[in-house]
């Protein structure tokens, strides 16, 4: 039970922290999905 609760806590922390971390490294899903290298078939 302790391992399960620890896993849930870690997932919650990652879920909350991920947008802030990605913003700090200037990652944008919109930028990644557009450009000359993107194929729209």
C-alpha atoms as a PDB file:
ATOM      1  CA  UNK A   1       0.000   0.000   0.000  1.00  0.00           C
ATOM      2  CA  UNK A   2       2.878   2.384   0.741  1.00  0.00           C
ATOM      3  CA  UNK A   3       4.349   1.820  -2.715  1.00  0.00           C
ATOM      4  CA  UNK A   4       0.996   2.544  -4.343  1.00  0.00           C
ATOM      5  CA  UNK A   5       0.543   5.777  -2.415  1.00  0.00           C
ATOM      6  CA  UNK A   6       4.096   6.824  -3.213  1.00  0.00           C
ATOM      7  CA  UNK A   7       3.478   6.172  -6.925  1.00  0.00           C
ATOM      8  CA  UNK A   8       0.275   8.206  -6.868  1.00  0.00           C
ATOM      9  CA  UNK A   9       2.067  11.062  -5.113  1.00  0.00           C
ATOM     10  CA  UNK A  10       4.908  11.010  -7.647  1.00  0.00           C
ATOM     11  CA  UNK A  11       2.440  11.024 -10.555  1.00  0.00           C
ATOM     12  CA  UNK A  12       0.629  14.007  -9.049  1.00  0.00           C
ATOM     13  CA  UNK A  13       3.881  15.942  -8.630  1.00  0.00           C
ATOM     14  CA  UNK A  14       4.957  15.186 -12.202  1.00  0.00           C
ATOM     15  CA  UNK A  15       1.526  16.161 -13.553  1.00  0.00           C
ATOM     16  CA  UNK A  16       1.641  19.512 -11.782  1.00  0.00           C
ATOM     17  CA  UNK A  17       5.325  20.255 -12.471  1.00  0.00           C
ATOM     18  CA  UNK A  18       5.506  19.205 -16.138  1.00  0.00           C
ATOM     19  CA  UNK A  19       3.857  22.309 -17.663  1.00  0.00           C
ATOM     20  CA  UNK A  20       6.131  24.614 -15.670  1.00  0.00           C
ATOM     21  CA  UNK A  21       9.252  22.651 -16.621  1.00  0.00           C
ATOM     22  CA  UNK A  22       8.314  22.559 -20.298  1.00  0.00           C
ATOM     23  CA  UNK A  23       7.626  26.295 -20.254  1.00  0.00           C
ATOM     24  CA  UNK A  24      11.077  26.935 -18.777  1.00  0.00           C
ATOM     25  CA  UNK A  25      12.773  25.149 -21.699  1.00  0.00           C
ATOM     26  CA  UNK A  26      10.536  26.961 -24.240  1.00  0.00           C
ATOM     27  CA  UNK A  27       8.774  23.826 -25.462  1.00  0.00           C
ATOM     28  CA  UNK A  28       5.572  24.433 -27.365  1.00  0.00           C
ATOM     29  CA  UNK A  29       3.379  21.719 -28.840  1.00  0.00           C
ATOM     30  CA  UNK A  30       2.160  24.236 -31.419  1.00  0.00           C
ATOM     31  CA  UNK A  31       5.724  24.888 -32.561  1.00  0.00           C
ATOM     32  CA  UNK A  32       6.515  21.179 -32.640  1.00  0.00           C
ATOM     33  CA  UNK A  33       3.488  20.489 -34.854  1.00  0.00           C
ATOM     34  CA  UNK A  34       4.177  23.169 -37.448  1.00  0.00           C
ATOM     35  CA  UNK A  35       7.017  23.961 -39.788  1.00  0.00           C
ATOM     36  CA  UNK A  36       8.605  22.744 -42.990  1.00  0.00           C
ATOM     37  CA  UNK A  37       9.433  19.288 -41.586  1.00  0.00           C
ATOM     38  CA  UNK A  38       5.817  18.444 -40.704  1.00  0.00           C
ATOM     39  CA  UNK A  39       3.878  16.305 -43.195  1.00  0.00           C
ATOM     40  CA  UNK A  40       0.126  16.770 -43.372  1.00  0.00           C
ATOM     41  CA  UNK A  41      -1.122  13.789 -45.355  1.00  0.00           C
END
